Amino acid sequence: QPIGGRIERVDVRVVASTHRDLAAEVKAGRFREDLYYRLAVV
């Protein structure tokens, strides 16, 4: 949903990268657990 706009559907594959330990960031409350598991499918 663009800011001030309507909901749109997109067909996008996401590849995320990080130098951080996201599992540790989740425990520290700095990263959403549900988002972490959704990103780390592979």
All heavy atoms as atom14 arrays in JSON, in Angstrom:
{
  "sequence": "QPIGGRIERVDVRVVASTHRDLAAEVKAGRFREDLYYRLAVV",
  "atom14_mask": [
    [1, 1, 1, 1, 1, 1, 1, 1, 1, 0, 0, 0, 0, 0],
    [1, 1, 1, 1, 1, 1, 1, 0, 0, 0, 0, 0, 0, 0],
    [1, 1, 1, 1, 1, 1, 1, 1, 0, 0, 0, 0, 0, 0],
    [1, 1, 1, 1, 0, 0, 0, 0, 0, 0, 0, 0, 0, 0],
    [1, 1, 1, 1, 0, 0, 0, 0, 0, 0, 0, 0, 0, 0],
    [1, 1, 1, 1, 1, 1, 1, 1, 1, 1, 1, 0, 0, 0],
    [1, 1, 1, 1, 1, 1, 1, 1, 0, 0, 0, 0, 0, 0],
    [1, 1, 1, 1, 1, 1, 1, 1, 1, 0, 0, 0, 0, 0],
    [1, 1, 1, 1, 1, 1, 1, 1, 1, 1, 1, 0, 0, 0],
    [1, 1, 1, 1, 1, 1, 1, 0, 0, 0, 0, 0, 0, 0],
    [1, 1, 1, 1, 1, 1, 1, 1, 0, 0, 0, 0, 0, 0],
    [1, 1, 1, 1, 1, 1, 1, 0, 0, 0, 0, 0, 0, 0],
    [1, 1, 1, 1, 1, 1, 1, 1, 1, 1, 1, 0, 0, 0],
    [1, 1, 1, 1, 1, 1, 1, 0, 0, 0, 0, 0, 0, 0],
    [1, 1, 1, 1, 1, 1, 1, 0, 0, 0, 0, 0, 0, 0],
    [1, 1, 1, 1, 1, 0, 0, 0, 0, 0, 0, 0, 0, 0],
    [1, 1, 1, 1, 1, 1, 0, 0, 0, 0, 0, 0, 0, 0],
    [1, 1, 1, 1, 1, 1, 1, 0, 0, 0, 0, 0, 0, 0],
    [1, 1, 1, 1, 1, 1, 1, 1, 1, 1, 0, 0, 0, 0],
    [1, 1, 1, 1, 1, 1, 1, 1, 1, 1, 1, 0, 0, 0],
    [1, 1, 1, 1, 1, 1, 1, 1, 0, 0, 0, 0, 0, 0],
    [1, 1, 1, 1, 1, 1, 1, 1, 0, 0, 0, 0, 0, 0],
    [1, 1, 1, 1, 1, 0, 0, 0, 0, 0, 0, 0, 0, 0],
    [1, 1, 1, 1, 1, 0, 0, 0, 0, 0, 0, 0, 0, 0],
    [1, 1, 1, 1, 1, 1, 1, 1, 1, 0, 0, 0, 0, 0],
    [1, 1, 1, 1, 1, 1, 1, 0, 0, 0, 0, 0, 0, 0],
    [1, 1, 1, 1, 1, 1, 1, 1, 1, 0, 0, 0, 0, 0],
    [1, 1, 1, 1, 1, 0, 0, 0, 0, 0, 0, 0, 0, 0],
    [1, 1, 1, 1, 0, 0, 0, 0, 0, 0, 0, 0, 0, 0],
    [1, 1, 1, 1, 1, 1, 1, 1, 1, 1, 1, 0, 0, 0],
    [1, 1, 1, 1, 1, 1, 1, 1, 1, 1, 1, 0, 0, 0],
    [1, 1, 1, 1, 1, 1, 1, 1, 1, 1, 1, 0, 0, 0],
    [1, 1, 1, 1, 1, 1, 1, 1, 1, 0, 0, 0, 0, 0],
    [1, 1, 1, 1, 1, 1, 1, 1, 0, 0, 0, 0, 0, 0],
    [1, 1, 1, 1, 1, 1, 1, 1, 0, 0, 0, 0, 0, 0],
    [1, 1, 1, 1, 1, 1, 1, 1, 1, 1, 1, 1, 0, 0],
    [1, 1, 1, 1, 1, 1, 1, 1, 1, 1, 1, 1, 0, 0],
    [1, 1, 1, 1, 1, 1, 1, 1, 1, 1, 1, 0, 0, 0],
    [1, 1, 1, 1, 1, 1, 1, 1, 0, 0, 0, 0, 0, 0],
    [1, 1, 1, 1, 1, 0, 0, 0, 0, 0, 0, 0, 0, 0],
    [1, 1, 1, 1, 1, 1, 1, 0, 0, 0, 0, 0, 0, 0],
    [1, 1, 1, 1, 1, 1, 1, 0, 0, 0, 0, 0, 0, 0]
  ],
  "atom14_positions": [
    [[0.85, -1.19, 0.0], [0.0, 0.0, 0.0], [0.88, 1.24, 0.0], [1.5, 1.57, 1.02], [-0.94, 0.03, 1.2], [-1.91, 1.21, 1.16], [-3.01, 1.1, 2.21], [-2.9, 0.3, 3.13], [-4.05, 1.91, 2.07], [0.0, 0.0, 0.0], [0.0, 0.0, 0.0], [0.0, 0.0, 0.0], [0.0, 0.0, 0.0], [0.0, 0.0, 0.0]],
    [[0.96, 1.91, -1.15], [1.73, 3.16, -1.18], [1.16, 4.17, -0.19], [-0.05, 4.14, 0.12], [1.55, 3.64, -2.63], [1.17, 2.41, -3.39], [0.37, 1.58, -2.44], [0.0, 0.0, 0.0], [0.0, 0.0, 0.0], [0.0, 0.0, 0.0], [0.0, 0.0, 0.0], [0.0, 0.0, 0.0], [0.0, 0.0, 0.0], [0.0, 0.0, 0.0]],
    [[2.01, 5.05, 0.29], [1.54, 6.08, 1.22], [0.5, 6.94, 0.52], [0.75, 7.5, -0.55], [2.72, 6.95, 1.71], [3.76, 6.09, 2.43], [2.22, 8.06, 2.63], [5.02, 6.84, 2.8], [0.0, 0.0, 0.0], [0.0, 0.0, 0.0], [0.0, 0.0, 0.0], [0.0, 0.0, 0.0], [0.0, 0.0, 0.0], [0.0, 0.0, 0.0]],
    [[-0.7, 7.0, 1.12], [-1.77, 7.79, 0.53], [-2.44, 7.15, -0.67], [-3.25, 7.79, -1.35], [0.0, 0.0, 0.0], [0.0, 0.0, 0.0], [0.0, 0.0, 0.0], [0.0, 0.0, 0.0], [0.0, 0.0, 0.0], [0.0, 0.0, 0.0], [0.0, 0.0, 0.0], [0.0, 0.0, 0.0], [0.0, 0.0, 0.0], [0.0, 0.0, 0.0]],
    [[-2.11, 5.89, -0.95], [-2.67, 5.22, -2.13], [-3.45, 3.97, -1.77], [-3.66, 3.64, -0.6], [0.0, 0.0, 0.0], [0.0, 0.0, 0.0], [0.0, 0.0, 0.0], [0.0, 0.0, 0.0], [0.0, 0.0, 0.0], [0.0, 0.0, 0.0], [0.0, 0.0, 0.0], [0.0, 0.0, 0.0], [0.0, 0.0, 0.0], [0.0, 0.0, 0.0]],
    [[-3.89, 3.26, -2.79], [-4.67, 2.05, -2.61], [-3.78, 0.82, -2.59], [-2.66, 0.84, -3.1], [-5.71, 1.91, -3.73], [-6.75, 3.03, -3.74], [-7.72, 2.81, -4.88], [-8.76, 3.83, -4.92], [-9.75, 3.87, -5.8], [-9.8, 2.92, -6.76], [-10.65, 4.82, -5.76], [0.0, 0.0, 0.0], [0.0, 0.0, 0.0], [0.0, 0.0, 0.0]],
    [[-4.32, -0.26, -2.05], [-3.58, -1.53, -1.99], [-3.35, -2.06, -3.41], [-4.26, -2.04, -4.24], [-4.35, -2.56, -1.15], [-4.38, -2.12, 0.33], [-3.7, -3.94, -1.27], [-5.21, -3.02, 1.22], [0.0, 0.0, 0.0], [0.0, 0.0, 0.0], [0.0, 0.0, 0.0], [0.0, 0.0, 0.0], [0.0, 0.0, 0.0], [0.0, 0.0, 0.0]],
    [[-2.15, -2.52, -3.66], [-1.79, -3.09, -4.96], [-1.22, -4.48, -4.76], [-0.61, -4.78, -3.73], [-0.73, -2.22, -5.65], [-1.12, -0.78, -5.87], [0.05, 0.03, -6.42], [1.09, -0.59, -6.78], [-0.06, 1.27, -6.47], [0.0, 0.0, 0.0], [0.0, 0.0, 0.0], [0.0, 0.0, 0.0], [0.0, 0.0, 0.0], [0.0, 0.0, 0.0]],
    [[-1.41, -5.33, -5.74], [-0.8, -6.67, -5.69], [0.49, -6.65, -6.52], [0.56, -6.06, -7.59], [-1.75, -7.73, -6.25], [-2.96, -7.97, -5.35], [-3.57, -9.33, -5.65], [-2.67, -10.44, -5.4], [-2.43, -10.99, -4.19], [-3.02, -10.49, -3.11], [-1.61, -12.01, -4.07], [0.0, 0.0, 0.0], [0.0, 0.0, 0.0], [0.0, 0.0, 0.0]],
    [[1.51, -7.32, -5.99], [2.79, -7.42, -6.68], [3.27, -8.87, -6.65], [2.93, -9.63, -5.75], [3.87, -6.51, -6.05], [3.56, -5.05, -6.3], [4.01, -6.78, -4.56], [0.0, 0.0, 0.0], [0.0, 0.0, 0.0], [0.0, 0.0, 0.0], [0.0, 0.0, 0.0], [0.0, 0.0, 0.0], [0.0, 0.0, 0.0], [0.0, 0.0, 0.0]],
    [[4.05, -9.22, -7.66], [4.64, -10.56, -7.74], [6.14, -10.39, -7.65], [6.81, -10.15, -8.66], [4.23, -11.22, -9.05], [4.89, -12.58, -9.25], [5.39, -13.15, -8.25], [4.94, -13.06, -10.41], [0.0, 0.0, 0.0], [0.0, 0.0, 0.0], [0.0, 0.0, 0.0], [0.0, 0.0, 0.0], [0.0, 0.0, 0.0], [0.0, 0.0, 0.0]],
    [[6.66, -10.48, -6.44], [8.07, -10.18, -6.19], [8.7, -11.28, -5.35], [8.11, -11.74, -4.37], [8.23, -8.83, -5.45], [9.69, -8.58, -5.06], [7.72, -7.69, -6.3], [0.0, 0.0, 0.0], [0.0, 0.0, 0.0], [0.0, 0.0, 0.0], [0.0, 0.0, 0.0], [0.0, 0.0, 0.0], [0.0, 0.0, 0.0], [0.0, 0.0, 0.0]],
    [[9.88, -11.73, -5.75], [10.67, -12.62, -4.89], [11.65, -11.76, -4.1], [12.34, -10.91, -4.68], [11.46, -13.63, -5.73], [12.28, -14.59, -4.86], [13.18, -15.45, -5.68], [13.69, -16.57, -4.9], [14.39, -17.58, -5.4], [14.67, -17.6, -6.69], [14.81, -18.56, -4.62], [0.0, 0.0, 0.0], [0.0, 0.0, 0.0], [0.0, 0.0, 0.0]],
    [[11.71, -11.98, -2.8], [12.59, -11.19, -1.94], [13.8, -12.02, -1.53], [13.67, -13.16, -1.08], [11.84, -10.7, -0.69], [12.82, -10.1, 0.32], [10.8, -9.65, -1.08], [0.0, 0.0, 0.0], [0.0, 0.0, 0.0], [0.0, 0.0, 0.0], [0.0, 0.0, 0.0], [0.0, 0.0, 0.0], [0.0, 0.0, 0.0], [0.0, 0.0, 0.0]],
    [[14.97, -11.44, -1.71], [16.22, -11.98, -1.2], [16.78, -10.95, -0.23], [17.08, -9.82, -0.64], [17.24, -12.27, -2.32], [18.54, -12.8, -1.73], [16.67, -13.27, -3.32], [0.0, 0.0, 0.0], [0.0, 0.0, 0.0], [0.0, 0.0, 0.0], [0.0, 0.0, 0.0], [0.0, 0.0, 0.0], [0.0, 0.0, 0.0], [0.0, 0.0, 0.0]],
    [[16.86, -11.29, 1.04], [17.35, -10.36, 2.05], [18.76, -10.75, 2.47], [19.11, -11.94, 2.47], [16.42, -10.35, 3.26], [0.0, 0.0, 0.0], [0.0, 0.0, 0.0], [0.0, 0.0, 0.0], [0.0, 0.0, 0.0], [0.0, 0.0, 0.0], [0.0, 0.0, 0.0], [0.0, 0.0, 0.0], [0.0, 0.0, 0.0], [0.0, 0.0, 0.0]],
    [[19.57, -9.77, 2.81], [20.93, -10.06, 3.28], [21.2, -9.3, 4.56], [20.62, -8.23, 4.81], [21.96, -9.68, 2.21], [22.05, -8.27, 2.08], [0.0, 0.0, 0.0], [0.0, 0.0, 0.0], [0.0, 0.0, 0.0], [0.0, 0.0, 0.0], [0.0, 0.0, 0.0], [0.0, 0.0, 0.0], [0.0, 0.0, 0.0], [0.0, 0.0, 0.0]],
    [[22.08, -9.84, 5.38], [22.43, -9.18, 6.64], [23.76, -9.71, 7.17], [24.11, -10.87, 6.93], [21.35, -9.41, 7.71], [21.72, -8.72, 8.92], [21.16, -10.89, 8.01], [0.0, 0.0, 0.0], [0.0, 0.0, 0.0], [0.0, 0.0, 0.0], [0.0, 0.0, 0.0], [0.0, 0.0, 0.0], [0.0, 0.0, 0.0], [0.0, 0.0, 0.0]],
    [[24.48, -8.83, 7.87], [25.68, -9.27, 8.57], [25.37, -9.52, 10.04], [26.24, -9.95, 10.8], [26.81, -8.23, 8.45], [26.57, -6.99, 9.25], [25.72, -5.99, 8.82], [27.05, -6.59, 10.45], [25.71, -5.01, 9.73], [26.5, -5.36, 10.72], [0.0, 0.0, 0.0], [0.0, 0.0, 0.0], [0.0, 0.0, 0.0], [0.0, 0.0, 0.0]],
    [[24.13, -9.28, 10.44], [23.72, -9.46, 11.83], [23.17, -10.86, 12.07], [22.72, -11.53, 11.14], [22.65, -8.43, 12.21], [23.14, -6.99, 12.2], [22.07, -6.07, 12.76], [22.5, -4.69, 12.76], [23.26, -4.12, 13.7], [23.66, -4.86, 14.74], [23.61, -2.86, 13.63], [0.0, 0.0, 0.0], [0.0, 0.0, 0.0], [0.0, 0.0, 0.0]],
    [[23.17, -11.28, 13.34], [22.51, -12.51, 13.76], [21.06, -12.17, 14.05], [20.73, -11.65, 15.11], [23.2, -13.08, 15.01], [22.59, -14.39, 15.47], [21.5, -14.75, 14.98], [23.18, -15.05, 16.34], [0.0, 0.0, 0.0], [0.0, 0.0, 0.0], [0.0, 0.0, 0.0], [0.0, 0.0, 0.0], [0.0, 0.0, 0.0], [0.0, 0.0, 0.0]],
    [[20.16, -12.41, 13.09], [18.78, -11.98, 13.24], [18.07, -12.72, 14.35], [17.16, -12.16, 14.99], [18.01, -12.17, 11.92], [18.33, -11.18, 10.79], [17.31, -11.31, 9.68], [18.38, -9.74, 11.3], [0.0, 0.0, 0.0], [0.0, 0.0, 0.0], [0.0, 0.0, 0.0], [0.0, 0.0, 0.0], [0.0, 0.0, 0.0], [0.0, 0.0, 0.0]],
    [[18.46, -13.97, 14.61], [17.85, -14.7, 15.73], [18.15, -13.98, 17.05], [17.27, -13.86, 17.92], [18.36, -16.13, 15.77], [0.0, 0.0, 0.0], [0.0, 0.0, 0.0], [0.0, 0.0, 0.0], [0.0, 0.0, 0.0], [0.0, 0.0, 0.0], [0.0, 0.0, 0.0], [0.0, 0.0, 0.0], [0.0, 0.0, 0.0], [0.0, 0.0, 0.0]],
    [[19.38, -13.49, 17.19], [19.73, -12.73, 18.4], [19.0, -11.39, 18.44], [18.61, -10.92, 19.51], [21.24, -12.51, 18.44], [0.0, 0.0, 0.0], [0.0, 0.0, 0.0], [0.0, 0.0, 0.0], [0.0, 0.0, 0.0], [0.0, 0.0, 0.0], [0.0, 0.0, 0.0], [0.0, 0.0, 0.0], [0.0, 0.0, 0.0], [0.0, 0.0, 0.0]],
    [[18.81, -10.77, 17.27], [18.07, -9.52, 17.2], [16.61, -9.72, 17.61], [16.01, -8.86, 18.25], [18.13, -8.95, 15.77], [19.52, -8.52, 15.32], [20.04, -7.34, 16.12], [19.43, -6.26, 16.04], [21.04, -7.52, 16.83], [0.0, 0.0, 0.0], [0.0, 0.0, 0.0], [0.0, 0.0, 0.0], [0.0, 0.0, 0.0], [0.0, 0.0, 0.0]],
    [[16.05, -10.88, 17.26], [14.68, -11.2, 17.67], [14.6, -11.31, 19.19], [13.7, -10.75, 19.83], [14.22, -12.51, 17.01], [12.9, -13.0, 17.65], [14.02, -12.32, 15.52], [0.0, 0.0, 0.0], [0.0, 0.0, 0.0], [0.0, 0.0, 0.0], [0.0, 0.0, 0.0], [0.0, 0.0, 0.0], [0.0, 0.0, 0.0], [0.0, 0.0, 0.0]],
    [[15.55, -12.02, 19.79], [15.56, -12.18, 21.26], [15.73, -10.84, 21.96], [15.18, -10.62, 23.05], [16.68, -13.13, 21.67], [16.43, -14.58, 21.29], [17.56, -15.47, 21.77], [17.3, -16.93, 21.41], [18.4, -17.8, 21.86], [0.0, 0.0, 0.0], [0.0, 0.0, 0.0], [0.0, 0.0, 0.0], [0.0, 0.0, 0.0], [0.0, 0.0, 0.0]],
    [[16.48, -9.94, 21.33], [16.72, -8.61, 21.93], [15.55, -7.66, 21.68], [15.57, -6.52, 22.16], [18.01, -8.02, 21.38], [0.0, 0.0, 0.0], [0.0, 0.0, 0.0], [0.0, 0.0, 0.0], [0.0, 0.0, 0.0], [0.0, 0.0, 0.0], [0.0, 0.0, 0.0], [0.0, 0.0, 0.0], [0.0, 0.0, 0.0], [0.0, 0.0, 0.0]],
    [[14.54, -8.1, 20.93], [13.37, -7.26, 20.67], [13.58, -6.22, 19.6], [12.79, -5.28, 19.48], [0.0, 0.0, 0.0], [0.0, 0.0, 0.0], [0.0, 0.0, 0.0], [0.0, 0.0, 0.0], [0.0, 0.0, 0.0], [0.0, 0.0, 0.0], [0.0, 0.0, 0.0], [0.0, 0.0, 0.0], [0.0, 0.0, 0.0], [0.0, 0.0, 0.0]],
    [[14.64, -6.36, 18.78], [14.93, -5.38, 17.74], [14.47, -5.83, 16.35], [14.63, -5.09, 15.39], [16.43, -5.07, 17.72], [16.93, -4.33, 18.95], [18.37, -3.88, 18.77], [19.28, -5.02, 18.73], [19.92, -5.5, 19.8], [19.73, -4.93, 20.98], [20.74, -6.53, 19.69], [0.0, 0.0, 0.0], [0.0, 0.0, 0.0], [0.0, 0.0, 0.0]],
    [[13.93, -7.05, 16.29], [13.45, -7.55, 15.0], [12.27, -8.47, 15.25], [12.27, -9.27, 16.19], [14.57, -8.32, 14.27], [14.37, -8.42, 12.79], [14.8, -7.4, 11.95], [13.75, -9.53, 12.22], [14.61, -7.48, 10.58], [13.57, -9.63, 10.86], [14.0, -8.6, 10.03], [0.0, 0.0, 0.0], [0.0, 0.0, 0.0], [0.0, 0.0, 0.0]],
    [[11.24, -8.36, 14.4], [10.03, -9.15, 14.59], [10.3, -10.63, 14.33], [10.89, -11.0, 13.3], [8.93, -8.66, 13.65], [8.34, -7.31, 14.02], [7.26, -6.96, 13.01], [6.15, -7.92, 13.02], [4.94, -7.65, 13.46], [4.65, -6.44, 13.95], [3.99, -8.56, 13.42], [0.0, 0.0, 0.0], [0.0, 0.0, 0.0], [0.0, 0.0, 0.0]],
    [[9.83, -11.45, 15.24], [10.04, -12.89, 15.11], [9.32, -13.45, 13.89], [9.87, -14.26, 13.14], [9.57, -13.61, 16.37], [9.87, -15.1, 16.36], [9.49, -15.76, 17.67], [8.65, -15.2, 18.4], [10.04, -16.85, 17.96], [0.0, 0.0, 0.0], [0.0, 0.0, 0.0], [0.0, 0.0, 0.0], [0.0, 0.0, 0.0], [0.0, 0.0, 0.0]],
    [[8.05, -13.0, 13.66], [7.3, -13.53, 12.52], [7.93, -13.12, 11.2], [7.95, -13.89, 10.23], [5.83, -13.09, 12.58], [5.66, -11.6, 12.84], [6.67, -10.88, 12.94], [4.5, -11.15, 12.96], [0.0, 0.0, 0.0], [0.0, 0.0, 0.0], [0.0, 0.0, 0.0], [0.0, 0.0, 0.0], [0.0, 0.0, 0.0], [0.0, 0.0, 0.0]],
    [[8.51, -11.93, 11.14], [9.19, -11.5, 9.92], [10.46, -12.31, 9.7], [10.78, -12.69, 8.57], [9.51, -10.01, 9.99], [10.27, -9.42, 8.79], [9.52, -9.65, 7.49], [10.54, -7.93, 9.0], [0.0, 0.0, 0.0], [0.0, 0.0, 0.0], [0.0, 0.0, 0.0], [0.0, 0.0, 0.0], [0.0, 0.0, 0.0], [0.0, 0.0, 0.0]],
    [[11.18, -12.58, 10.78], [12.41, -13.38, 10.67], [12.12, -14.74, 10.06], [12.79, -15.18, 9.12], [13.07, -13.53, 12.04], [14.16, -14.57, 12.07], [15.32, -14.41, 11.32], [14.01, -15.73, 12.84], [16.32, -15.38, 11.33], [15.01, -16.7, 12.86], [16.15, -16.52, 12.1], [17.13, -17.47, 12.12], [0.0, 0.0, 0.0], [0.0, 0.0, 0.0]],
    [[11.11, -15.42, 10.57], [10.8, -16.75, 10.05], [10.27, -16.68, 8.62], [10.45, -17.62, 7.84], [9.8, -17.46, 10.96], [10.41, -17.88, 12.27], [9.92, -17.4, 13.49], [11.5, -18.75, 12.3], [10.5, -17.78, 14.7], [12.08, -19.13, 13.5], [11.58, -18.65, 14.69], [12.17, -19.02, 15.88], [0.0, 0.0, 0.0], [0.0, 0.0, 0.0]],
    [[9.62, -15.59, 8.27], [9.13, -15.44, 6.9], [10.27, -15.17, 5.92], [10.22, -15.59, 4.77], [8.11, -14.28, 6.85], [7.37, -14.19, 5.52], [6.53, -15.41, 5.28], [5.89, -15.42, 3.97], [6.49, -15.78, 2.84], [7.77, -16.17, 2.87], [5.84, -15.77, 1.69], [0.0, 0.0, 0.0], [0.0, 0.0, 0.0], [0.0, 0.0, 0.0]],
    [[11.29, -14.48, 6.4], [12.46, -14.21, 5.54], [13.36, -15.42, 5.4], [13.91, -15.68, 4.33], [13.27, -13.04, 6.11], [12.67, -11.64, 5.99], [13.47, -10.67, 6.85], [12.67, -11.18, 4.54], [0.0, 0.0, 0.0], [0.0, 0.0, 0.0], [0.0, 0.0, 0.0], [0.0, 0.0, 0.0], [0.0, 0.0, 0.0], [0.0, 0.0, 0.0]],
    [[13.52, -16.16, 6.5], [14.5, -17.25, 6.53], [13.89, -18.58, 6.09], [14.16, -19.62, 6.69], [15.09, -17.38, 7.93], [0.0, 0.0, 0.0], [0.0, 0.0, 0.0], [0.0, 0.0, 0.0], [0.0, 0.0, 0.0], [0.0, 0.0, 0.0], [0.0, 0.0, 0.0], [0.0, 0.0, 0.0], [0.0, 0.0, 0.0], [0.0, 0.0, 0.0]],
    [[13.08, -18.55, 5.03], [12.57, -19.81, 4.48], [13.75, -20.67, 4.03], [13.82, -21.87, 4.27], [11.61, -19.53, 3.3], [11.14, -20.84, 2.67], [10.42, -18.71, 3.77], [0.0, 0.0, 0.0], [0.0, 0.0, 0.0], [0.0, 0.0, 0.0], [0.0, 0.0, 0.0], [0.0, 0.0, 0.0], [0.0, 0.0, 0.0], [0.0, 0.0, 0.0]],
    [[14.7, -20.03, 3.36], [15.97, -20.66, 3.0], [17.08, -19.72, 3.46], [17.02, -18.53, 3.19], [16.09, -20.9, 1.48], [17.48, -21.43, 1.14], [15.03, -21.88, 1.0], [0.0, 0.0, 0.0], [0.0, 0.0, 0.0], [0.0, 0.0, 0.0], [0.0, 0.0, 0.0], [0.0, 0.0, 0.0], [0.0, 0.0, 0.0], [0.0, 0.0, 0.0]]
  ]
}
